[in-house]
Amino acid sequence: MKLIPEDRAVLEFECTWWTEPGLKTDRIRTELGISSSRYYKRLAELIDTEAALAFDPLLIRRLRRRRSLDEGLGSPATGSPHS
């Protein structure tokens, strides 16, 4: 899989969104021209690709690690969140 310009823009935005003032959701709409739900869906898809890993290994490893930690937040007895 090769990254298209829109995919690179999503990854670049995720690296730098915090460096400028404003709400992330507003900036997604303004700078990328997509909804925040579309942004997060595409970002979730991208972090599982080798192309994204090659493009920005530090970002992708950080996002994968964060996802892994988020998935591990289930209750000890059931493994499901908020049980």
PDB file of N, CA and C in Angstrom:
ATOM      1  N   MET A   1       0.843  -1.184   0.000  1.00  0.00           N
ATOM      2  CA  MET A   1       0.000   0.000   0.000  1.00  0.00           C
ATOM      3  C   MET A   1       0.885   1.242   0.000  1.00  0.00           C
ATOM      4  N   LYS A   2       0.543   2.178  -0.815  1.00  0.00           N
ATOM      5  CA  LYS A   2       1.261   3.439  -0.877  1.00  0.00           C
ATOM      6  C   LYS A   2       0.358   4.536  -0.315  1.00  0.00           C
ATOM      7  N   LEU A   3       0.944   5.456   0.426  1.00  0.00           N
ATOM      8  CA  LEU A   3       0.157   6.547   0.999  1.00  0.00           C
ATOM      9  C   LEU A   3      -0.216   7.565  -0.071  1.00  0.00           C
ATOM     10  N   ILE A   4      -1.469   7.941  -0.072  1.00  0.00           N
ATOM     11  CA  ILE A   4      -1.921   9.016  -0.953  1.00  0.00           C
ATOM     12  C   ILE A   4      -1.716  10.341  -0.221  1.00  0.00           C
ATOM     13  N   PRO A   5      -1.736  11.459  -0.928  1.00  0.00           N
ATOM     14  CA  PRO A   5      -1.496  12.753  -0.271  1.00  0.00           C
ATOM     15  C   PRO A   5      -2.424  13.019   0.918  1.00  0.00           C
ATOM     16  N   GLU A   6      -3.681  12.595   0.831  1.00  0.00           N
ATOM     17  CA  GLU A   6      -4.617  12.802   1.940  1.00  0.00           C
ATOM     18  C   GLU A   6      -4.192  12.021   3.186  1.00  0.00           C
ATOM     19  N   ASP A   7      -3.664  10.817   2.987  1.00  0.00           N
ATOM     20  CA  ASP A   7      -3.186  10.014   4.114  1.00  0.00           C
ATOM     21  C   ASP A   7      -1.981  10.681   4.770  1.00  0.00           C
ATOM     22  N   ARG A   8      -1.072  11.168   3.943  1.00  0.00           N
ATOM     23  CA  ARG A   8       0.101  11.869   4.493  1.00  0.00           C
ATOM     24  C   ARG A   8      -0.335  13.106   5.270  1.00  0.00           C
ATOM     25  N   ALA A   9      -1.345  13.814   4.766  1.00  0.00           N
ATOM     26  CA  ALA A   9      -1.850  15.010   5.452  1.00  0.00           C
ATOM     27  C   ALA A   9      -2.422  14.649   6.814  1.00  0.00           C
ATOM     28  N   VAL A  10      -3.137  13.541   6.907  1.00  0.00           N
ATOM     29  CA  VAL A  10      -3.686  13.097   8.196  1.00  0.00           C
ATOM     30  C   VAL A  10      -2.555  12.803   9.166  1.00  0.00           C
ATOM     31  N   LEU A  11      -1.544  12.077   8.718  1.00  0.00           N
ATOM     32  CA  LEU A  11      -0.420  11.736   9.587  1.00  0.00           C
ATOM     33  C   LEU A  11       0.366  12.977  10.001  1.00  0.00           C
ATOM     34  N   GLU A  12       0.600  13.864   9.080  1.00  0.00           N
ATOM     35  CA  GLU A  12       1.319  15.100   9.403  1.00  0.00           C
ATOM     36  C   GLU A  12       0.518  15.954  10.391  1.00  0.00           C
ATOM     37  N   PHE A  13      -0.789  16.017  10.196  1.00  0.00           N
ATOM     38  CA  PHE A  13      -1.632  16.775  11.107  1.00  0.00           C
ATOM     39  C   PHE A  13      -1.559  16.182  12.514  1.00  0.00           C
ATOM     40  N   GLU A  14      -1.616  14.868  12.624  1.00  0.00           N
ATOM     41  CA  GLU A  14      -1.573  14.218  13.934  1.00  0.00           C
ATOM     42  C   GLU A  14      -0.264  14.524  14.662  1.00  0.00           C
ATOM     43  N   CYS A  15       0.786  14.728  13.922  1.00  0.00           N
ATOM     44  CA  CYS A  15       2.087  15.068  14.532  1.00  0.00           C
ATOM     45  C   CYS A  15       2.133  16.491  15.066  1.00  0.00           C
ATOM     46  N   THR A  16       1.380  17.380  14.454  1.00  0.00           N
ATOM     47  CA  THR A  16       1.590  18.802  14.753  1.00  0.00           C
ATOM     48  C   THR A  16       0.366  19.560  15.238  1.00  0.00           C
ATOM     49  N   TRP A  17      -0.794  18.922  15.350  1.00  0.00           N
ATOM     50  CA  TRP A  17      -2.016  19.671  15.665  1.00  0.00           C
ATOM     51  C   TRP A  17      -1.906  20.458  16.965  1.00  0.00           C
ATOM     52  N   TRP A  18      -1.164  19.959  17.916  1.00  0.00           N
ATOM     53  CA  TRP A  18      -1.068  20.584  19.240  1.00  0.00           C
ATOM     54  C   TRP A  18      -0.162  21.812  19.260  1.00  0.00           C
ATOM     55  N   THR A  19       0.550  22.074  18.176  1.00  0.00           N
ATOM     56  CA  THR A  19       1.483  23.205  18.178  1.00  0.00           C
ATOM     57  C   THR A  19       0.800  24.542  17.903  1.00  0.00           C
ATOM     58  N   GLU A  20      -0.450  24.492  17.484  1.00  0.00           N
ATOM     59  CA  GLU A  20      -1.208  25.708  17.181  1.00  0.00           C
ATOM     60  C   GLU A  20      -2.434  25.777  18.089  1.00  0.00           C
ATOM     61  N   PRO A  21      -2.899  26.976  18.403  1.00  0.00           N
ATOM     62  CA  PRO A  21      -4.084  27.092  19.263  1.00  0.00           C
ATOM     63  C   PRO A  21      -5.353  26.650  18.536  1.00  0.00           C
ATOM     64  N   GLY A  22      -6.336  26.300  19.318  1.00  0.00           N
ATOM     65  CA  GLY A  22      -7.633  25.928  18.753  1.00  0.00           C
ATOM     66  C   GLY A  22      -7.988  24.490  19.041  1.00  0.00           C
ATOM     67  N   LEU A  23      -9.271  24.215  18.946  1.00  0.00           N
ATOM     68  CA  LEU A  23      -9.751  22.858  19.158  1.00  0.00           C
ATOM     69  C   LEU A  23      -9.320  21.950  18.013  1.00  0.00           C
ATOM     70  N   LYS A  24      -8.923  20.753  18.362  1.00  0.00           N
ATOM     71  CA  LYS A  24      -8.480  19.799  17.354  1.00  0.00           C
ATOM     72  C   LYS A  24      -9.594  19.520  16.348  1.00  0.00           C
ATOM     73  N   THR A  25     -10.809  19.333  16.829  1.00  0.00           N
ATOM     74  CA  THR A  25     -11.915  19.018  15.914  1.00  0.00           C
ATOM     75  C   THR A  25     -12.162  20.143  14.917  1.00  0.00           C
ATOM     76  N   ASP A  26     -12.052  21.382  15.381  1.00  0.00           N
ATOM     77  CA  ASP A  26     -12.223  22.522  14.476  1.00  0.00           C
ATOM     78  C   ASP A  26     -11.100  22.581  13.446  1.00  0.00           C
ATOM     79  N   ARG A  27      -9.900  22.322  13.901  1.00  0.00           N
ATOM     80  CA  ARG A  27      -8.753  22.380  13.000  1.00  0.00           C
ATOM     81  C   ARG A  27      -8.789  21.250  11.969  1.00  0.00           C
ATOM     82  N   ILE A  28      -9.312  20.078  12.353  1.00  0.00           N
ATOM     83  CA  ILE A  28      -9.455  18.974  11.395  1.00  0.00           C
ATOM     84  C   ILE A  28     -10.345  19.422  10.245  1.00  0.00           C
ATOM     85  N   ARG A  29     -11.481  20.005  10.595  1.00  0.00           N
ATOM     86  CA  ARG A  29     -12.436  20.458   9.576  1.00  0.00           C
ATOM     87  C   ARG A  29     -11.817  21.554   8.708  1.00  0.00           C
ATOM     88  N   THR A  30     -11.166  22.522   9.348  1.00  0.00           N
ATOM     89  CA  THR A  30     -10.615  23.662   8.619  1.00  0.00           C
ATOM     90  C   THR A  30      -9.410  23.283   7.758  1.00  0.00           C
ATOM     91  N   GLU A  31      -8.470  22.563   8.337  1.00  0.00           N
ATOM     92  CA  GLU A  31      -7.214  22.289   7.645  1.00  0.00           C
ATOM     93  C   GLU A  31      -7.274  21.093   6.699  1.00  0.00           C
ATOM     94  N   LEU A  32      -8.062  20.083   7.071  1.00  0.00           N
ATOM     95  CA  LEU A  32      -8.118  18.879   6.243  1.00  0.00           C
ATOM     96  C   LEU A  32      -9.398  18.776   5.420  1.00  0.00           C
ATOM     97  N   GLY A  33     -10.405  19.529   5.819  1.00  0.00           N
ATOM     98  CA  GLY A  33     -11.651  19.518   5.072  1.00  0.00           C
ATOM     99  C   GLY A  33     -12.476  18.249   5.226  1.00  0.00           C
ATOM    100  N   ILE A  34     -12.284  17.554   6.351  1.00  0.00           N
ATOM    101  CA  ILE A  34     -13.052  16.341   6.622  1.00  0.00           C
ATOM    102  C   ILE A  34     -13.617  16.415   8.030  1.00  0.00           C
ATOM    103  N   SER A  35     -14.591  15.578   8.318  1.00  0.00           N
ATOM    104  CA  SER A  35     -15.158  15.540   9.664  1.00  0.00           C
ATOM    105  C   SER A  35     -14.174  14.861  10.615  1.00  0.00           C
ATOM    106  N   SER A  36     -14.327  15.140  11.892  1.00  0.00           N
ATOM    107  CA  SER A  36     -13.433  14.517  12.864  1.00  0.00           C
ATOM    108  C   SER A  36     -13.657  13.006  12.918  1.00  0.00           C
ATOM    109  N   SER A  37     -14.895  12.546  12.712  1.00  0.00           N
ATOM    110  CA  SER A  37     -15.128  11.100  12.721  1.00  0.00           C
ATOM    111  C   SER A  37     -14.412  10.429  11.551  1.00  0.00           C
ATOM    112  N   ARG A  38     -14.418  11.061  10.393  1.00  0.00           N
ATOM    113  CA  ARG A  38     -13.697  10.523   9.234  1.00  0.00           C
ATOM    114  C   ARG A  38     -12.188  10.535   9.493  1.00  0.00           C
ATOM    115  N   TYR A  39     -11.710  11.593  10.113  1.00  0.00           N
ATOM    116  CA  TYR A  39     -10.295  11.712  10.451  1.00  0.00           C
ATOM    117  C   TYR A  39      -9.852  10.553  11.348  1.00  0.00           C
ATOM    118  N   TYR A  40     -10.590  10.331  12.443  1.00  0.00           N
ATOM    119  CA  TYR A  40     -10.205   9.287  13.386  1.00  0.00           C
ATOM    120  C   TYR A  40     -10.347   7.890  12.788  1.00  0.00           C
ATOM    121  N   LYS A  41     -11.341   7.702  11.937  1.00  0.00           N
ATOM    122  CA  LYS A  41     -11.490   6.410  11.268  1.00  0.00           C
ATOM    123  C   LYS A  41     -10.299   6.157  10.357  1.00  0.00           C
ATOM    124  N   ARG A  42      -9.921   7.157   9.580  1.00  0.00           N
ATOM    125  CA  ARG A  42      -8.792   6.986   8.660  1.00  0.00           C
ATOM    126  C   ARG A  42      -7.490   6.814   9.430  1.00  0.00           C
ATOM    127  N   LEU A  43      -7.303   7.561  10.495  1.00  0.00           N
ATOM    128  CA  LEU A  43      -6.094   7.426  11.309  1.00  0.00           C
ATOM    129  C   LEU A  43      -5.999   6.013  11.881  1.00  0.00           C
ATOM    130  N   ALA A  44      -7.115   5.469  12.363  1.00  0.00           N
ATOM    131  CA  ALA A  44      -7.125   4.107  12.902  1.00  0.00           C
ATOM    132  C   ALA A  44      -6.755   3.088  11.825  1.00  0.00           C
ATOM    133  N   GLU A  45      -7.198   3.315  10.607  1.00  0.00           N
ATOM    134  CA  GLU A  45      -6.842   2.411   9.509  1.00  0.00           C
ATOM    135  C   GLU A  45      -5.358   2.542   9.162  1.00  0.00           C
ATOM    136  N   LEU A  46      -4.884   3.766   9.154  1.00  0.00           N
ATOM    137  CA  LEU A  46      -3.496   4.014   8.750  1.00  0.00           C
ATOM    138  C   LEU A  46      -2.480   3.413   9.718  1.00  0.00           C
ATOM    139  N   ILE A  47      -2.768   3.432  11.005  1.00  0.00           N
ATOM    140  CA  ILE A  47      -1.741   2.982  11.952  1.00  0.00           C
ATOM    141  C   ILE A  47      -1.451   1.486  11.839  1.00  0.00           C
ATOM    142  N   ASP A  48      -2.277   0.765  11.100  1.00  0.00           N
ATOM    143  CA  ASP A  48      -2.022  -0.659  10.884  1.00  0.00           C
ATOM    144  C   ASP A  48      -1.292  -0.941   9.581  1.00  0.00           C
ATOM    145  N   THR A  49      -0.890   0.094   8.865  1.00  0.00           N
ATOM    146  CA  THR A  49      -0.236  -0.128   7.571  1.00  0.00           C
ATOM    147  C   THR A  49       1.275   0.033   7.659  1.00  0.00           C
ATOM    148  N   GLU A  50       1.950  -0.742   6.848  1.00  0.00           N
ATOM    149  CA  GLU A  50       3.408  -0.627   6.763  1.00  0.00           C
ATOM    150  C   GLU A  50       3.823   0.695   6.120  1.00  0.00           C
ATOM    151  N   ALA A  51       3.000   1.196   5.209  1.00  0.00           N
ATOM    152  CA  ALA A  51       3.320   2.463   4.545  1.00  0.00           C
ATOM    153  C   ALA A  51       3.348   3.607   5.554  1.00  0.00           C
ATOM    154  N   ALA A  52       2.393   3.627   6.468  1.00  0.00           N
ATOM    155  CA  ALA A  52       2.372   4.673   7.497  1.00  0.00           C
ATOM    156  C   ALA A  52       3.554   4.504   8.444  1.00  0.00           C
ATOM    157  N   LEU A  53       3.874   3.273   8.781  1.00  0.00           N
ATOM    158  CA  LEU A  53       5.027   3.014   9.655  1.00  0.00           C
ATOM    159  C   LEU A  53       6.317   3.504   9.001  1.00  0.00           C
ATOM    160  N   ALA A  54       6.452   3.281   7.718  1.00  0.00           N
ATOM    161  CA  ALA A  54       7.639   3.748   6.998  1.00  0.00           C
ATOM    162  C   ALA A  54       7.668   5.270   6.905  1.00  0.00           C
ATOM    163  N   PHE A  55       6.506   5.884   6.779  1.00  0.00           N
ATOM    164  CA  PHE A  55       6.405   7.341   6.655  1.00  0.00           C
ATOM    165  C   PHE A  55       6.806   8.050   7.940  1.00  0.00           C
ATOM    166  N   ASP A  56       6.312   7.552   9.084  1.00  0.00           N
ATOM    167  CA  ASP A  56       6.625   8.183  10.372  1.00  0.00           C
ATOM    168  C   ASP A  56       6.621   7.123  11.469  1.00  0.00           C
ATOM    169  N   PRO A  57       7.733   6.415  11.628  1.00  0.00           N
ATOM    170  CA  PRO A  57       7.789   5.311  12.590  1.00  0.00           C
ATOM    171  C   PRO A  57       7.486   5.731  14.031  1.00  0.00           C
ATOM    172  N   LEU A  58       7.978   6.874  14.453  1.00  0.00           N
ATOM    173  CA  LEU A  58       7.741   7.302  15.838  1.00  0.00           C
ATOM    174  C   LEU A  58       6.258   7.545  16.107  1.00  0.00           C
ATOM    175  N   LEU A  59       5.603   8.242  15.206  1.00  0.00           N
ATOM    176  CA  LEU A  59       4.182   8.514  15.367  1.00  0.00           C
ATOM    177  C   LEU A  59       3.377   7.224  15.382  1.00  0.00           C
ATOM    178  N   ILE A  60       3.631   6.345  14.443  1.00  0.00           N
ATOM    179  CA  ILE A  60       2.845   5.119  14.338  1.00  0.00           C
ATOM    180  C   ILE A  60       3.075   4.219  15.539  1.00  0.00           C
ATOM    181  N   ARG A  61       4.291   4.105  16.005  1.00  0.00           N
ATOM    182  CA  ARG A  61       4.546   3.294  17.201  1.00  0.00           C
ATOM    183  C   ARG A  61       3.854   3.892  18.425  1.00  0.00           C
ATOM    184  N   ARG A  62       3.867   5.213  18.541  1.00  0.00           N
ATOM    185  CA  ARG A  62       3.192   5.874  19.666  1.00  0.00           C
ATOM    186  C   ARG A  62       1.688   5.621  19.609  1.00  0.00           C
ATOM    187  N   LEU A  63       1.093   5.755  18.427  1.00  0.00           N
ATOM    188  CA  LEU A  63      -0.339   5.533  18.278  1.00  0.00           C
ATOM    189  C   LEU A  63      -0.720   4.069  18.521  1.00  0.00           C
ATOM    190  N   ARG A  64       0.107   3.162  18.061  1.00  0.00           N
ATOM    191  CA  ARG A  64      -0.155   1.741  18.306  1.00  0.00           C
ATOM    192  C   ARG A  64      -0.076   1.426  19.799  1.00  0.00           C
ATOM    193  N   ARG A  65       0.911   1.998  20.459  1.00  0.00           N
ATOM    194  CA  ARG A  65       1.078   1.781  21.892  1.00  0.00           C
ATOM    195  C   ARG A  65      -0.119   2.350  22.661  1.00  0.00           C
ATOM    196  N   ARG A  66      -0.553   3.547  22.282  1.00  0.00           N
ATOM    197  CA  ARG A  66      -1.700   4.165  22.943  1.00  0.00           C
ATOM    198  C   ARG A  66      -2.963   3.327  22.727  1.00  0.00           C
ATOM    199  N   ARG A  67      -3.155   2.832  21.516  1.00  0.00           N
ATOM    200  CA  ARG A  67      -4.319   1.983  21.238  1.00  0.00           C
ATOM    201  C   ARG A  67      -4.260   0.721  22.082  1.00  0.00           C
ATOM    202  N   SER A  68      -3.100   0.140  22.179  1.00  0.00           N
ATOM    203  CA  SER A  68      -2.937  -1.068  22.972  1.00  0.00           C
ATOM    204  C   SER A  68      -3.271  -0.807  24.445  1.00  0.00           C
ATOM    205  N   LEU A  69      -2.817   0.306  24.968  1.00  0.00           N
ATOM    206  CA  LEU A  69      -3.132   0.666  26.351  1.00  0.00           C
ATOM    207  C   LEU A  69      -4.613   0.925  26.534  1.00  0.00           C
ATOM    208  N   ASP A  70      -5.238   1.606  25.572  1.00  0.00           N
ATOM    209  CA  ASP A  70      -6.671   1.886  25.639  1.00  0.00           C
ATOM    210  C   ASP A  70      -7.484   0.593  25.629  1.00  0.00           C
ATOM    211  N   GLU A  71      -7.062  -0.374  24.837  1.00  0.00           N
ATOM    212  CA  GLU A  71      -7.780  -1.643  24.760  1.00  0.00           C
ATOM    213  C   GLU A  71      -7.633  -2.443  26.042  1.00  0.00           C
ATOM    214  N   GLY A  72      -6.598  -2.185  26.805  1.00  0.00           N
ATOM    215  CA  GLY A  72      -6.360  -2.911  28.037  1.00  0.00           C
ATOM    216  C   GLY A  72      -7.054  -2.320  29.247  1.00  0.00           C
ATOM    217  N   LEU A  73      -7.954  -1.367  29.047  1.00  0.00           N
ATOM    218  CA  LEU A  73      -8.616  -0.712  30.168  1.00  0.00           C
ATOM    219  C   LEU A  73      -9.867  -1.435  30.660  1.00  0.00           C
ATOM    220  N   GLY A  74     -10.113  -2.642  30.193  1.00  0.00           N
ATOM    221  CA  GLY A  74     -11.290  -3.382  30.639  1.00  0.00           C
ATOM    222  C   GLY A  74     -11.159  -3.803  32.095  1.00  0.00           C
ATOM    223  N   SER A  75     -12.264  -4.273  32.656  1.00  0.00           N
ATOM    224  CA  SER A  75     -12.221  -4.722  34.042  1.00  0.00           C
ATOM    225  C   SER A  75     -11.444  -6.039  34.124  1.00  0.00           C
ATOM    226  N   PRO A  76     -10.756  -6.279  35.214  1.00  0.00           N
ATOM    227  CA  PRO A  76      -9.937  -7.496  35.337  1.00  0.00           C
ATOM    228  C   PRO A  76     -10.741  -8.782  35.209  1.00  0.00           C
ATOM    229  N   ALA A  77     -11.986  -8.801  35.700  1.00  0.00           N
ATOM    230  CA  ALA A  77     -12.772 -10.027  35.697  1.00  0.00           C
ATOM    231  C   ALA A  77     -13.282 -10.399  34.307  1.00  0.00           C
ATOM    232  N   THR A  78     -13.716  -9.423  33.542  1.00  0.00           N
ATOM    233  CA  THR A  78     -14.352  -9.718  32.266  1.00  0.00           C
ATOM    234  C   THR A  78     -13.543  -9.310  31.061  1.00  0.00           C
ATOM    235  N   GLY A  79     -12.639  -8.353  31.254  1.00  0.00           N
ATOM    236  CA  GLY A  79     -11.874  -7.853  30.123  1.00  0.00           C
ATOM    237  C   GLY A  79     -12.641  -6.864  29.279  1.00  0.00           C
ATOM    238  N   SER A  80     -13.878  -6.555  29.675  1.00  0.00           N
ATOM    239  CA  SER A  80     -14.656  -5.597  28.899  1.00  0.00           C
ATOM    240  C   SER A  80     -14.708  -4.264  29.626  1.00  0.00           C
ATOM    241  N   PRO A  81     -14.702  -3.187  28.900  1.00  0.00           N
ATOM    242  CA  PRO A  81     -14.698  -1.868  29.518  1.00  0.00           C
ATOM    243  C   PRO A  81     -15.972  -1.604  30.319  1.00  0.00           C
ATOM    244  N   HIS A  82     -15.799  -0.953  31.423  1.00  0.00           N
ATOM    245  CA  HIS A  82     -16.899  -0.426  32.231  1.00  0.00           C
ATOM    246  C   HIS A  82     -17.889  -1.491  32.658  1.00  0.00           C
ATOM    247  N   SER A  83     -17.437  -2.677  32.972  1.00  0.00           N
ATOM    248  CA  SER A  83     -18.350  -3.730  33.436  1.00  0.00           C
ATOM    249  C   SER A  83     -18.515  -3.663  34.930  1.00  0.00           C
TER     250      SER A  83
END
